[in-house]
PDB file of N, CA and C in Angstrom:
ATOM      1  N   MET A   1     146.431-119.151 195.230  1.00  0.00           N
ATOM      2  CA  MET A   1     147.061-120.485 194.980  1.00  0.00           C
ATOM      3  C   MET A   1     146.586-121.390 196.118  1.00  0.00           C
ATOM      4  N   GLU A   2     146.083-122.549 195.706  1.00  0.00           N
ATOM      5  CA  GLU A   2     145.581-123.562 196.602  1.00  0.00           C
ATOM      6  C   GLU A   2     146.724-124.601 196.838  1.00  0.00           C
ATOM      7  N   LEU A   3     147.025-124.739 198.106  1.00  0.00           N
ATOM      8  CA  LEU A   3     148.005-125.771 198.453  1.00  0.00           C
ATOM      9  C   LEU A   3     147.270-127.094 198.900  1.00  0.00           C
ATOM     10  N   GLU A   4     147.900-128.181 198.538  1.00  0.00           N
ATOM     11  CA  GLU A   4     147.277-129.483 198.852  1.00  0.00           C
ATOM     12  C   GLU A   4     148.210-130.318 199.713  1.00  0.00           C
ATOM     13  N   GLY A   5     147.624-131.301 200.411  1.00  0.00           N
ATOM     14  CA  GLY A   5     148.316-132.336 201.158  1.00  0.00           C
ATOM     15  C   GLY A   5     149.339-131.768 202.091  1.00  0.00           C
ATOM     16  N   PRO A   6     150.605-132.309 202.033  1.00  0.00           N
ATOM     17  CA  PRO A   6     151.639-131.898 203.007  1.00  0.00           C
ATOM     18  C   PRO A   6     151.877-130.399 202.939  1.00  0.00           C
ATOM     19  N   ARG A   7     151.844-129.780 201.762  1.00  0.00           N
ATOM     20  CA  ARG A   7     152.212-128.364 201.669  1.00  0.00           C
ATOM     21  C   ARG A   7     151.073-127.542 202.404  1.00  0.00           C
ATOM     22  N   SER A   8     149.927-127.976 202.363  1.00  0.00           N
ATOM     23  CA  SER A   8     148.841-127.252 203.086  1.00  0.00           C
ATOM     24  C   SER A   8     149.074-127.402 204.614  1.00  0.00           C
ATOM     25  N   ALA A   9     149.470-128.576 205.084  1.00  0.00           N
ATOM     26  CA  ALA A   9     149.765-128.754 206.470  1.00  0.00           C
ATOM     27  C   ALA A   9     150.967-127.906 206.877  1.00  0.00           C
ATOM     28  N   ILE A  10     151.956-127.837 206.061  1.00  0.00           N
ATOM     29  CA  ILE A  10     153.189-126.995 206.338  1.00  0.00           C
ATOM     30  C   ILE A  10     152.784-125.637 206.527  1.00  0.00           C
ATOM     31  N   ALA A  11     151.967-125.088 205.519  1.00  0.00           N
ATOM     32  CA  ALA A  11     151.508-123.699 205.533  1.00  0.00           C
ATOM     33  C   ALA A  11     150.810-123.388 206.872  1.00  0.00           C
ATOM     34  N   ALA A  12     149.982-124.304 207.280  1.00  0.00           N
ATOM     35  CA  ALA A  12     149.191-124.136 208.507  1.00  0.00           C
ATOM     36  C   ALA A  12     150.223-124.095 209.743  1.00  0.00           C
ATOM     37  N   GLN A  13     151.223-124.894 209.723  1.00  0.00           N
ATOM     38  CA  GLN A  13     152.209-124.798 210.776  1.00  0.00           C
ATOM     39  C   GLN A  13     153.034-123.583 210.809  1.00  0.00           C
ATOM     40  N   LEU A  14     153.278-122.989 209.609  1.00  0.00           N
ATOM     41  CA  LEU A  14     153.953-121.770 209.553  1.00  0.00           C
ATOM     42  C   LEU A  14     153.168-120.626 210.211  1.00  0.00           C
ATOM     43  N   ILE A  15     151.916-120.653 209.963  1.00  0.00           N
ATOM     44  CA  ILE A  15     151.021-119.672 210.595  1.00  0.00           C
ATOM     45  C   ILE A  15     150.977-119.858 212.104  1.00  0.00           C
ATOM     46  N   ASP A  16     150.972-121.089 212.554  1.00  0.00           N
ATOM     47  CA  ASP A  16     151.064-121.396 214.008  1.00  0.00           C
ATOM     48  C   ASP A  16     152.453-120.911 214.604  1.00  0.00           C
ATOM     49  N   LEU A  17     153.488-121.116 213.812  1.00  0.00           N
ATOM     50  CA  LEU A  17     154.871-120.661 214.238  1.00  0.00           C
ATOM     51  C   LEU A  17     154.844-119.194 214.439  1.00  0.00           C
ATOM     52  N   GLU A  18     154.329-118.391 213.520  1.00  0.00           N
ATOM     53  CA  GLU A  18     154.268-116.894 213.674  1.00  0.00           C
ATOM     54  C   GLU A  18     153.425-116.551 214.913  1.00  0.00           C
ATOM     55  N   ALA A  19     152.304-117.200 215.107  1.00  0.00           N
ATOM     56  CA  ALA A  19     151.475-117.022 216.266  1.00  0.00           C
ATOM     57  C   ALA A  19     152.241-117.245 217.556  1.00  0.00           C
ATOM     58  N   ALA A  20     152.928-118.383 217.615  1.00  0.00           N
ATOM     59  CA  ALA A  20     153.777-118.720 218.839  1.00  0.00           C
ATOM     60  C   ALA A  20     154.760-117.735 219.096  1.00  0.00           C
ATOM     61  N   LEU A  21     155.462-117.221 218.111  1.00  0.00           N
ATOM     62  CA  LEU A  21     156.502-116.196 218.242  1.00  0.00           C
ATOM     63  C   LEU A  21     155.884-114.879 218.796  1.00  0.00           C
ATOM     64  N   ARG A  22     154.731-114.536 218.227  1.00  0.00           N
ATOM     65  CA  ARG A  22     154.060-113.291 218.747  1.00  0.00           C
ATOM     66  C   ARG A  22     153.540-113.417 220.149  1.00  0.00           C
ATOM     67  N   GLN A  23     153.033-114.639 220.493  1.00  0.00           N
ATOM     68  CA  GLN A  23     152.531-114.807 221.905  1.00  0.00           C
ATOM     69  C   GLN A  23     153.714-114.763 222.888  1.00  0.00           C
ATOM     70  N   LEU A  24     154.937-115.134 222.526  1.00  0.00           N
ATOM     71  CA  LEU A  24     156.053-115.063 223.395  1.00  0.00           C
ATOM     72  C   LEU A  24     156.702-113.688 223.364  1.00  0.00           C
ATOM     73  N   ASP A  25     156.175-112.851 222.534  1.00  0.00           N
ATOM     74  CA  ASP A  25     156.783-111.510 222.305  1.00  0.00           C
ATOM     75  C   ASP A  25     158.170-111.592 221.765  1.00  0.00           C
ATOM     76  N   LEU A  26     158.323-112.546 220.836  1.00  0.00           N
ATOM     77  CA  LEU A  26     159.585-112.785 220.130  1.00  0.00           C
ATOM     78  C   LEU A  26     159.531-112.342 218.664  1.00  0.00           C
ATOM     79  N   TRP A  27     158.471-111.657 218.347  1.00  0.00           N
ATOM     80  CA  TRP A  27     158.251-111.143 216.983  1.00  0.00           C
ATOM     81  C   TRP A  27     158.724-109.692 216.938  1.00  0.00           C
ATOM     82  N   SER A  28     159.428-109.328 215.848  1.00  0.00           N
ATOM     83  CA  SER A  28     159.940-108.011 215.798  1.00  0.00           C
ATOM     84  C   SER A  28     159.372-107.279 214.605  1.00  0.00           C
ATOM     85  N   ASP A  29     159.046-105.948 214.761  1.00  0.00           N
ATOM     86  CA  ASP A  29     158.532-105.148 213.686  1.00  0.00           C
ATOM     87  C   ASP A  29     159.739-104.597 212.893  1.00  0.00           C
ATOM     88  N   THR A  30     160.924-104.673 213.494  1.00  0.00           N
ATOM     89  CA  THR A  30     162.049-104.073 212.753  1.00  0.00           C
ATOM     90  C   THR A  30     162.995-105.239 212.304  1.00  0.00           C
ATOM     91  N   PRO A  31     163.199-105.315 210.929  1.00  0.00           N
ATOM     92  CA  PRO A  31     164.099-106.339 210.490  1.00  0.00           C
ATOM     93  C   PRO A  31     165.555-106.059 210.814  1.00  0.00           C
ATOM     94  N   PRO A  32     166.383-107.099 210.913  1.00  0.00           N
ATOM     95  CA  PRO A  32     167.799-106.871 211.181  1.00  0.00           C
ATOM     96  C   PRO A  32     168.481-106.316 209.944  1.00  0.00           C
ATOM     97  N   SER A  33     169.689-105.847 210.036  1.00  0.00           N
ATOM     98  CA  SER A  33     170.434-105.275 208.940  1.00  0.00           C
ATOM     99  C   SER A  33     170.600-106.367 207.845  1.00  0.00           C
ATOM    100  N   GLN A  34     170.824-105.837 206.624  1.00  0.00           N
ATOM    101  CA  GLN A  34     171.075-106.715 205.504  1.00  0.00           C
ATOM    102  C   GLN A  34     172.341-107.608 205.793  1.00  0.00           C
ATOM    103  N   GLU A  35     173.356-106.961 206.439  1.00  0.00           N
ATOM    104  CA  GLU A  35     174.540-107.711 206.770  1.00  0.00           C
ATOM    105  C   GLU A  35     174.242-108.905 207.723  1.00  0.00           C
ATOM    106  N   ALA A  36     173.421-108.639 208.755  1.00  0.00           N
ATOM    107  CA  ALA A  36     173.073-109.687 209.692  1.00  0.00           C
ATOM    108  C   ALA A  36     172.335-110.842 208.950  1.00  0.00           C
ATOM    109  N   LEU A  37     171.436-110.429 207.989  1.00  0.00           N
ATOM    110  CA  LEU A  37     170.600-111.412 207.263  1.00  0.00           C
ATOM    111  C   LEU A  37     171.465-112.281 206.259  1.00  0.00           C
ATOM    112  N   SER A  38     172.601-111.756 205.841  1.00  0.00           N
ATOM    113  CA  SER A  38     173.393-112.450 204.893  1.00  0.00           C
ATOM    114  C   SER A  38     174.503-113.412 205.475  1.00  0.00           C
ATOM    115  N   SER A  39     174.375-113.699 206.777  1.00  0.00           N
ATOM    116  CA  SER A  39     175.269-114.617 207.387  1.00  0.00           C
ATOM    117  C   SER A  39     175.371-115.905 206.722  1.00  0.00           C
ATOM    118  N   GLU A  40     176.470-116.528 206.696  1.00  0.00           N
ATOM    119  CA  GLU A  40     176.718-117.865 206.131  1.00  0.00           C
ATOM    120  C   GLU A  40     176.651-118.979 207.173  1.00  0.00           C
ATOM    121  N   GLN A  41     176.563-118.607 208.397  1.00  0.00           N
ATOM    122  CA  GLN A  41     176.535-119.635 209.563  1.00  0.00           C
ATOM    123  C   GLN A  41     175.162-120.320 209.591  1.00  0.00           C
ATOM    124  N   PRO A  42     175.159-121.552 210.014  1.00  0.00           N
ATOM    125  CA  PRO A  42     173.829-122.207 210.221  1.00  0.00           C
ATOM    126  C   PRO A  42     173.042-121.327 211.191  1.00  0.00           C
ATOM    127  N   PHE A  43     171.736-121.221 210.864  1.00  0.00           N
ATOM    128  CA  PHE A  43     170.817-120.433 211.662  1.00  0.00           C
ATOM    129  C   PHE A  43     171.243-118.923 211.893  1.00  0.00           C
ATOM    130  N   ALA A  44     172.247-118.510 211.120  1.00  0.00           N
ATOM    131  CA  ALA A  44     172.839-117.139 211.207  1.00  0.00           C
ATOM    132  C   ALA A  44     173.177-116.900 212.684  1.00  0.00           C
ATOM    133  N   MET A  45     173.632-117.918 213.330  1.00  0.00           N
ATOM    134  CA  MET A  45     173.937-117.794 214.825  1.00  0.00           C
ATOM    135  C   MET A  45     174.916-116.804 215.140  1.00  0.00           C
ATOM    136  N   ASP A  46     175.743-116.327 214.236  1.00  0.00           N
ATOM    137  CA  ASP A  46     176.765-115.287 214.503  1.00  0.00           C
ATOM    138  C   ASP A  46     176.155-113.850 214.427  1.00  0.00           C
ATOM    139  N   SER A  47     175.013-113.732 213.822  1.00  0.00           N
ATOM    140  CA  SER A  47     174.424-112.368 213.708  1.00  0.00           C
ATOM    141  C   SER A  47     172.976-112.169 214.070  1.00  0.00           C
ATOM    142  N   LEU A  48     172.258-113.227 214.269  1.00  0.00           N
ATOM    143  CA  LEU A  48     170.835-113.126 214.584  1.00  0.00           C
ATOM    144  C   LEU A  48     170.531-114.055 215.842  1.00  0.00           C
ATOM    145  N   GLU A  49     169.505-113.544 216.563  1.00  0.00           N
ATOM    146  CA  GLU A  49     168.926-114.447 217.588  1.00  0.00           C
ATOM    147  C   GLU A  49     168.074-115.524 216.853  1.00  0.00           C
ATOM    148  N   PHE A  50     167.898-116.682 217.482  1.00  0.00           N
ATOM    149  CA  PHE A  50     167.203-117.701 216.811  1.00  0.00           C
ATOM    150  C   PHE A  50     165.826-117.321 216.283  1.00  0.00           C
ATOM    151  N   GLU A  51     165.102-116.569 217.128  1.00  0.00           N
ATOM    152  CA  GLU A  51     163.746-116.070 216.670  1.00  0.00           C
ATOM    153  C   GLU A  51     163.775-115.169 215.540  1.00  0.00           C
ATOM    154  N   GLU A  52     164.923-114.384 215.477  1.00  0.00           N
ATOM    155  CA  GLU A  52     165.021-113.518 214.252  1.00  0.00           C
ATOM    156  C   GLU A  52     165.302-114.345 213.033  1.00  0.00           C
ATOM    157  N   TRP A  53     166.075-115.334 213.141  1.00  0.00           N
ATOM    158  CA  TRP A  53     166.260-116.294 212.044  1.00  0.00           C
ATOM    159  C   TRP A  53     164.988-116.928 211.563  1.00  0.00           C
ATOM    160  N   LEU A  54     164.267-117.378 212.563  1.00  0.00           N
ATOM    161  CA  LEU A  54     162.902-117.988 212.230  1.00  0.00           C
ATOM    162  C   LEU A  54     162.083-116.921 211.362  1.00  0.00           C
ATOM    163  N   GLN A  55     161.956-115.698 211.944  1.00  0.00           N
ATOM    164  CA  GLN A  55     161.040-114.719 211.452  1.00  0.00           C
ATOM    165  C   GLN A  55     161.520-114.125 210.022  1.00  0.00           C
ATOM    166  N   PHE A  56     162.840-113.841 209.960  1.00  0.00           N
ATOM    167  CA  PHE A  56     163.260-113.176 208.786  1.00  0.00           C
ATOM    168  C   PHE A  56     163.998-113.959 207.733  1.00  0.00           C
ATOM    169  N   ILE A  57     164.324-115.252 208.009  1.00  0.00           N
ATOM    170  CA  ILE A  57     164.897-116.101 207.065  1.00  0.00           C
ATOM    171  C   ILE A  57     164.088-117.359 206.769  1.00  0.00           C
ATOM    172  N   PHE A  58     163.794-118.119 207.891  1.00  0.00           N
ATOM    173  CA  PHE A  58     163.090-119.409 207.749  1.00  0.00           C
ATOM    174  C   PHE A  58     161.705-119.227 207.207  1.00  0.00           C
ATOM    175  N   LEU A  59     160.926-118.416 207.875  1.00  0.00           N
ATOM    176  CA  LEU A  59     159.466-118.250 207.366  1.00  0.00           C
ATOM    177  C   LEU A  59     159.382-117.753 205.871  1.00  0.00           C
ATOM    178  N   PRO A  60     160.106-116.625 205.589  1.00  0.00           N
ATOM    179  CA  PRO A  60     159.947-116.130 204.210  1.00  0.00           C
ATOM    180  C   PRO A  60     160.496-117.154 203.135  1.00  0.00           C
ATOM    181  N   THR A  61     161.504-117.891 203.515  1.00  0.00           N
ATOM    182  CA  THR A  61     162.079-118.934 202.581  1.00  0.00           C
ATOM    183  C   THR A  61     160.984-120.045 202.372  1.00  0.00           C
ATOM    184  N   LEU A  62     160.437-120.557 203.448  1.00  0.00           N
ATOM    185  CA  LEU A  62     159.426-121.616 203.284  1.00  0.00           C
ATOM    186  C   LEU A  62     158.211-121.082 202.548  1.00  0.00           C
ATOM    187  N   TYR A  63     157.741-119.816 202.849  1.00  0.00           N
ATOM    188  CA  TYR A  63     156.592-119.342 202.186  1.00  0.00           C
ATOM    189  C   TYR A  63     156.869-119.261 200.683  1.00  0.00           C
ATOM    190  N   GLU A  64     158.050-118.857 200.325  1.00  0.00           N
ATOM    191  CA  GLU A  64     158.479-118.715 198.931  1.00  0.00           C
ATOM    192  C   GLU A  64     158.448-120.121 198.231  1.00  0.00           C
ATOM    193  N   VAL A  65     159.082-121.082 198.909  1.00  0.00           N
ATOM    194  CA  VAL A  65     159.080-122.417 198.353  1.00  0.00           C
ATOM    195  C   VAL A  65     157.634-122.964 198.111  1.00  0.00           C
ATOM    196  N   LEU A  66     156.812-122.803 199.135  1.00  0.00           N
ATOM    197  CA  LEU A  66     155.456-123.227 199.068  1.00  0.00           C
ATOM    198  C   LEU A  66     154.748-122.542 197.927  1.00  0.00           C
ATOM    199  N   GLY A  67     154.831-121.206 197.800  1.00  0.00           N
ATOM    200  CA  GLY A  67     154.192-120.419 196.812  1.00  0.00           C
ATOM    201  C   GLY A  67     154.659-120.651 195.433  1.00  0.00           C
ATOM    202  N   SER A  68     155.923-121.014 195.272  1.00  0.00           N
ATOM    203  CA  SER A  68     156.480-121.227 193.905  1.00  0.00           C
ATOM    204  C   SER A  68     156.385-122.689 193.473  1.00  0.00           C
ATOM    205  N   GLY A  69     156.014-123.569 194.409  1.00  0.00           N
ATOM    206  CA  GLY A  69     155.986-124.992 194.118  1.00  0.00           C
ATOM    207  C   GLY A  69     157.354-125.655 194.143  1.00  0.00           C
ATOM    208  N   GLY A  70     158.328-124.911 194.685  1.00  0.00           N
ATOM    209  CA  GLY A  70     159.736-125.395 194.675  1.00  0.00           C
ATOM    210  C   GLY A  70     159.859-126.594 195.614  1.00  0.00           C
ATOM    211  N   ALA A  71     161.117-127.135 195.534  1.00  0.00           N
ATOM    212  CA  ALA A  71     161.447-128.337 196.344  1.00  0.00           C
ATOM    213  C   ALA A  71     161.637-127.953 197.829  1.00  0.00           C
ATOM    214  N   LEU A  72     161.078-128.773 198.643  1.00  0.00           N
ATOM    215  CA  LEU A  72     161.240-128.591 200.110  1.00  0.00           C
ATOM    216  C   LEU A  72     162.597-129.254 200.411  1.00  0.00           C
ATOM    217  N   PRO A  73     163.175-128.821 201.609  1.00  0.00           N
ATOM    218  CA  PRO A  73     164.397-129.580 202.032  1.00  0.00           C
ATOM    219  C   PRO A  73     164.051-131.014 202.223  1.00  0.00           C
ATOM    220  N   GLU A  74     165.102-131.901 202.077  1.00  0.00           N
ATOM    221  CA  GLU A  74     164.918-133.306 202.343  1.00  0.00           C
ATOM    222  C   GLU A  74     164.730-133.605 203.749  1.00  0.00           C
ATOM    223  N   ARG A  75     165.469-132.878 204.570  1.00  0.00           N
ATOM    224  CA  ARG A  75     165.416-133.038 206.043  1.00  0.00           C
ATOM    225  C   ARG A  75     165.213-131.725 206.719  1.00  0.00           C
ATOM    226  N   CYS A  76     164.554-131.735 207.791  1.00  0.00           N
ATOM    227  CA  CYS A  76     164.422-130.504 208.548  1.00  0.00           C
ATOM    228  C   CYS A  76     164.472-130.861 210.063  1.00  0.00           C
ATOM    229  N   ALA A  77     165.374-130.183 210.769  1.00  0.00           N
ATOM    230  CA  ALA A  77     165.537-130.581 212.196  1.00  0.00           C
ATOM    231  C   ALA A  77     165.840-129.168 212.907  1.00  0.00           C
ATOM    232  N   ILE A  78     164.809-128.376 213.018  1.00  0.00           N
ATOM    233  CA  ILE A  78     164.950-127.062 213.679  1.00  0.00           C
ATOM    234  C   ILE A  78     164.512-127.155 215.161  1.00  0.00           C
ATOM    235  N   ALA A  79     163.665-128.016 215.579  1.00  0.00           N
ATOM    236  CA  ALA A  79     163.245-128.138 216.916  1.00  0.00           C
ATOM    237  C   ALA A  79     164.434-128.294 217.914  1.00  0.00           C
ATOM    238  N   PRO A  80     165.402-129.140 217.625  1.00  0.00           N
ATOM    239  CA  PRO A  80     166.543-129.199 218.587  1.00  0.00           C
ATOM    240  C   PRO A  80     167.273-127.932 218.785  1.00  0.00           C
ATOM    241  N   MET A  81     167.450-127.073 217.687  1.00  0.00           N
ATOM    242  CA  MET A  81     168.079-125.751 217.888  1.00  0.00           C
ATOM    243  C   MET A  81     167.184-124.875 218.717  1.00  0.00           C
ATOM    244  N   ALA A  82     165.853-124.951 218.525  1.00  0.00           N
ATOM    245  CA  ALA A  82     164.982-124.156 219.332  1.00  0.00           C
ATOM    246  C   ALA A  82     165.073-124.503 220.819  1.00  0.00           C
ATOM    247  N   GLU A  83     165.207-125.798 221.089  1.00  0.00           N
ATOM    248  CA  GLU A  83     165.302-126.295 222.494  1.00  0.00           C
ATOM    249  C   GLU A  83     166.624-125.773 223.103  1.00  0.00           C
ATOM    250  N   GLU A  84     167.711-125.626 222.311  1.00  0.00           N
ATOM    251  CA  GLU A  84     168.968-125.154 222.851  1.00  0.00           C
ATOM    252  C   GLU A  84     169.047-123.668 222.946  1.00  0.00           C
ATOM    253  N   THR A  85     168.148-122.950 222.261  1.00  0.00           N
ATOM    254  CA  THR A  85     168.205-121.488 222.403  1.00  0.00           C
ATOM    255  C   THR A  85     166.983-120.956 223.137  1.00  0.00           C
ATOM    256  N   VAL A  86     165.871-120.667 222.444  1.00  0.00           N
ATOM    257  CA  VAL A  86     164.731-120.085 223.125  1.00  0.00           C
ATOM    258  C   VAL A  86     164.215-121.074 224.279  1.00  0.00           C
ATOM    259  N   GLY A  87     164.389-122.325 224.112  1.00  0.00           N
ATOM    260  CA  GLY A  87     163.881-123.278 225.055  1.00  0.00           C
ATOM    261  C   GLY A  87     164.550-123.194 226.422  1.00  0.00           C
ATOM    262  N   LYS A  88     165.721-122.555 226.456  1.00  0.00           N
ATOM    263  CA  LYS A  88     166.427-122.373 227.780  1.00  0.00           C
ATOM    264  C   LYS A  88     166.217-120.988 228.470  1.00  0.00           C
ATOM    265  N   ARG A  89     165.284-120.285 227.807  1.00  0.00           N
ATOM    266  CA  ARG A  89     164.897-118.983 228.398  1.00  0.00           C
ATOM    267  C   ARG A  89     163.788-119.247 229.387  1.00  0.00           C
ATOM    268  N   LYS A  90     163.508-118.262 230.211  1.00  0.00           N
ATOM    269  CA  LYS A  90     162.426-118.355 231.118  1.00  0.00           C
ATOM    270  C   LYS A  90     161.099-117.919 230.430  1.00  0.00           C
ATOM    271  N   LEU A  91     160.715-118.733 229.480  1.00  0.00           N
ATOM    272  CA  LEU A  91     159.451-118.427 228.681  1.00  0.00           C
ATOM    273  C   LEU A  91     158.744-119.759 228.571  1.00  0.00           C
ATOM    274  N   PRO A  92     157.456-119.616 228.361  1.00  0.00           N
ATOM    275  CA  PRO A  92     156.707-120.845 228.034  1.00  0.00           C
ATOM    276  C   PRO A  92     156.787-121.260 226.692  1.00  0.00           C
ATOM    277  N   THR A  93     157.850-121.890 226.224  1.00  0.00           N
ATOM    278  CA  THR A  93     158.206-122.127 224.841  1.00  0.00           C
ATOM    279  C   THR A  93     157.591-123.447 224.258  1.00  0.00           C
ATOM    280  N   GLU A  94     156.858-124.186 225.117  1.00  0.00           N
ATOM    281  CA  GLU A  94     156.392-125.538 224.734  1.00  0.00           C
ATOM    282  C   GLU A  94     155.607-125.504 223.381  1.00  0.00           C
ATOM    283  N   ALA A  95     154.715-124.538 223.173  1.00  0.00           N
ATOM    284  CA  ALA A  95     153.897-124.564 221.955  1.00  0.00           C
ATOM    285  C   ALA A  95     154.826-124.193 220.781  1.00  0.00           C
ATOM    286  N   LEU A  96     155.725-123.287 220.934  1.00  0.00           N
ATOM    287  CA  LEU A  96     156.724-122.977 219.863  1.00  0.00           C
ATOM    288  C   LEU A  96     157.514-124.194 219.458  1.00  0.00           C
ATOM    289  N   ILE A  97     158.068-124.892 220.391  1.00  0.00           N
ATOM    290  CA  ILE A  97     158.861-126.086 220.115  1.00  0.00           C
ATOM    291  C   ILE A  97     158.044-127.168 219.481  1.00  0.00           C
ATOM    292  N   ALA A  98     156.856-127.385 220.019  1.00  0.00           N
ATOM    293  CA  ALA A  98     155.940-128.417 219.456  1.00  0.00           C
ATOM    294  C   ALA A  98     155.557-128.087 218.009  1.00  0.00           C
ATOM    295  N   THR A  99     155.359-126.825 217.671  1.00  0.00           N
ATOM    296  CA  THR A  99     155.114-126.411 216.302  1.00  0.00           C
ATOM    297  C   THR A  99     156.310-126.706 215.424  1.00  0.00           C
ATOM    298  N   LEU A 100     157.464-126.418 215.910  1.00  0.00           N
ATOM    299  CA  LEU A 100     158.694-126.687 215.124  1.00  0.00           C
ATOM    300  C   LEU A 100     158.911-128.195 214.945  1.00  0.00           C
ATOM    301  N   ARG A 101     158.635-128.952 215.959  1.00  0.00           N
ATOM    302  CA  ARG A 101     158.757-130.455 215.833  1.00  0.00           C
ATOM    303  C   ARG A 101     157.749-130.939 214.712  1.00  0.00           C
ATOM    304  N   GLU A 102     156.576-130.357 214.694  1.00  0.00           N
ATOM    305  CA  GLU A 102     155.630-130.826 213.652  1.00  0.00           C
ATOM    306  C   GLU A 102     156.035-130.318 212.328  1.00  0.00           C
ATOM    307  N   LEU A 103     156.615-129.214 212.190  1.00  0.00           N
ATOM    308  CA  LEU A 103     157.176-128.686 210.898  1.00  0.00           C
ATOM    309  C   LEU A 103     158.371-129.562 210.487  1.00  0.00           C
ATOM    310  N   ASP A 104     159.228-129.918 211.383  1.00  0.00           N
ATOM    311  CA  ASP A 104     160.339-130.828 211.096  1.00  0.00           C
ATOM    312  C   ASP A 104     159.803-132.165 210.439  1.00  0.00           C
ATOM    313  N   ARG A 105     158.785-132.735 211.127  1.00  0.00           N
ATOM    314  CA  ARG A 105     158.189-133.952 210.666  1.00  0.00           C
ATOM    315  C   ARG A 105     157.565-133.806 209.316  1.00  0.00           C
ATOM    316  N   LEU A 106     156.709-132.789 209.154  1.00  0.00           N
ATOM    317  CA  LEU A 106     156.012-132.678 207.863  1.00  0.00           C
ATOM    318  C   LEU A 106     156.961-132.378 206.722  1.00  0.00           C
ATOM    319  N   ILE A 107     157.975-131.563 206.908  1.00  0.00           N
ATOM    320  CA  ILE A 107     158.934-131.252 205.836  1.00  0.00           C
ATOM    321  C   ILE A 107     159.766-132.495 205.524  1.00  0.00           C
ATOM    322  N   THR A 108     160.251-133.193 206.555  1.00  0.00           N
ATOM    323  CA  THR A 108     161.090-134.419 206.307  1.00  0.00           C
ATOM    324  C   THR A 108     160.293-135.497 205.649  1.00  0.00           C
ATOM    325  N   GLU A 109     158.989-135.657 205.928  1.00  0.00           N
ATOM    326  CA  GLU A 109     158.165-136.647 205.328  1.00  0.00           C
ATOM    327  C   GLU A 109     157.509-136.285 204.015  1.00  0.00           C
ATOM    328  N   SER A 110     157.702-135.026 203.580  1.00  0.00           N
ATOM    329  CA  SER A 110     156.982-134.509 202.383  1.00  0.00           C
ATOM    330  C   SER A 110     157.324-135.065 201.077  1.00  0.00           C
ATOM    331  N   ASP A 111     158.470-135.680 200.966  1.00  0.00           N
ATOM    332  CA  ASP A 111     158.896-136.267 199.688  1.00  0.00           C
ATOM    333  C   ASP A 111     158.171-137.496 199.321  1.00  0.00           C
TER     334      ASP A 111
END
């Protein structure tokens, strides 16, 4: 499937997001429990670390939307949550947060 325009740019940012998580050693080979994944809270903050939410909920959901041609969210504002969570750790998170800012912009402007 060939993605065009904003969807292609979003797909590229998703790849960058995965790379940034891996570089920070925030990528997990073991998925959380089904119970943790089914949280109703924003960002599943009651059951997942922010990076787990990115890896196991956000990324698969956006890949599915892009692959199916489904509607993207009207607004996206994930970078502020990243700044409040992983951004406060003693890690070089600048690239991760910059990638999320760009994703926020691309998704919000995609309509």
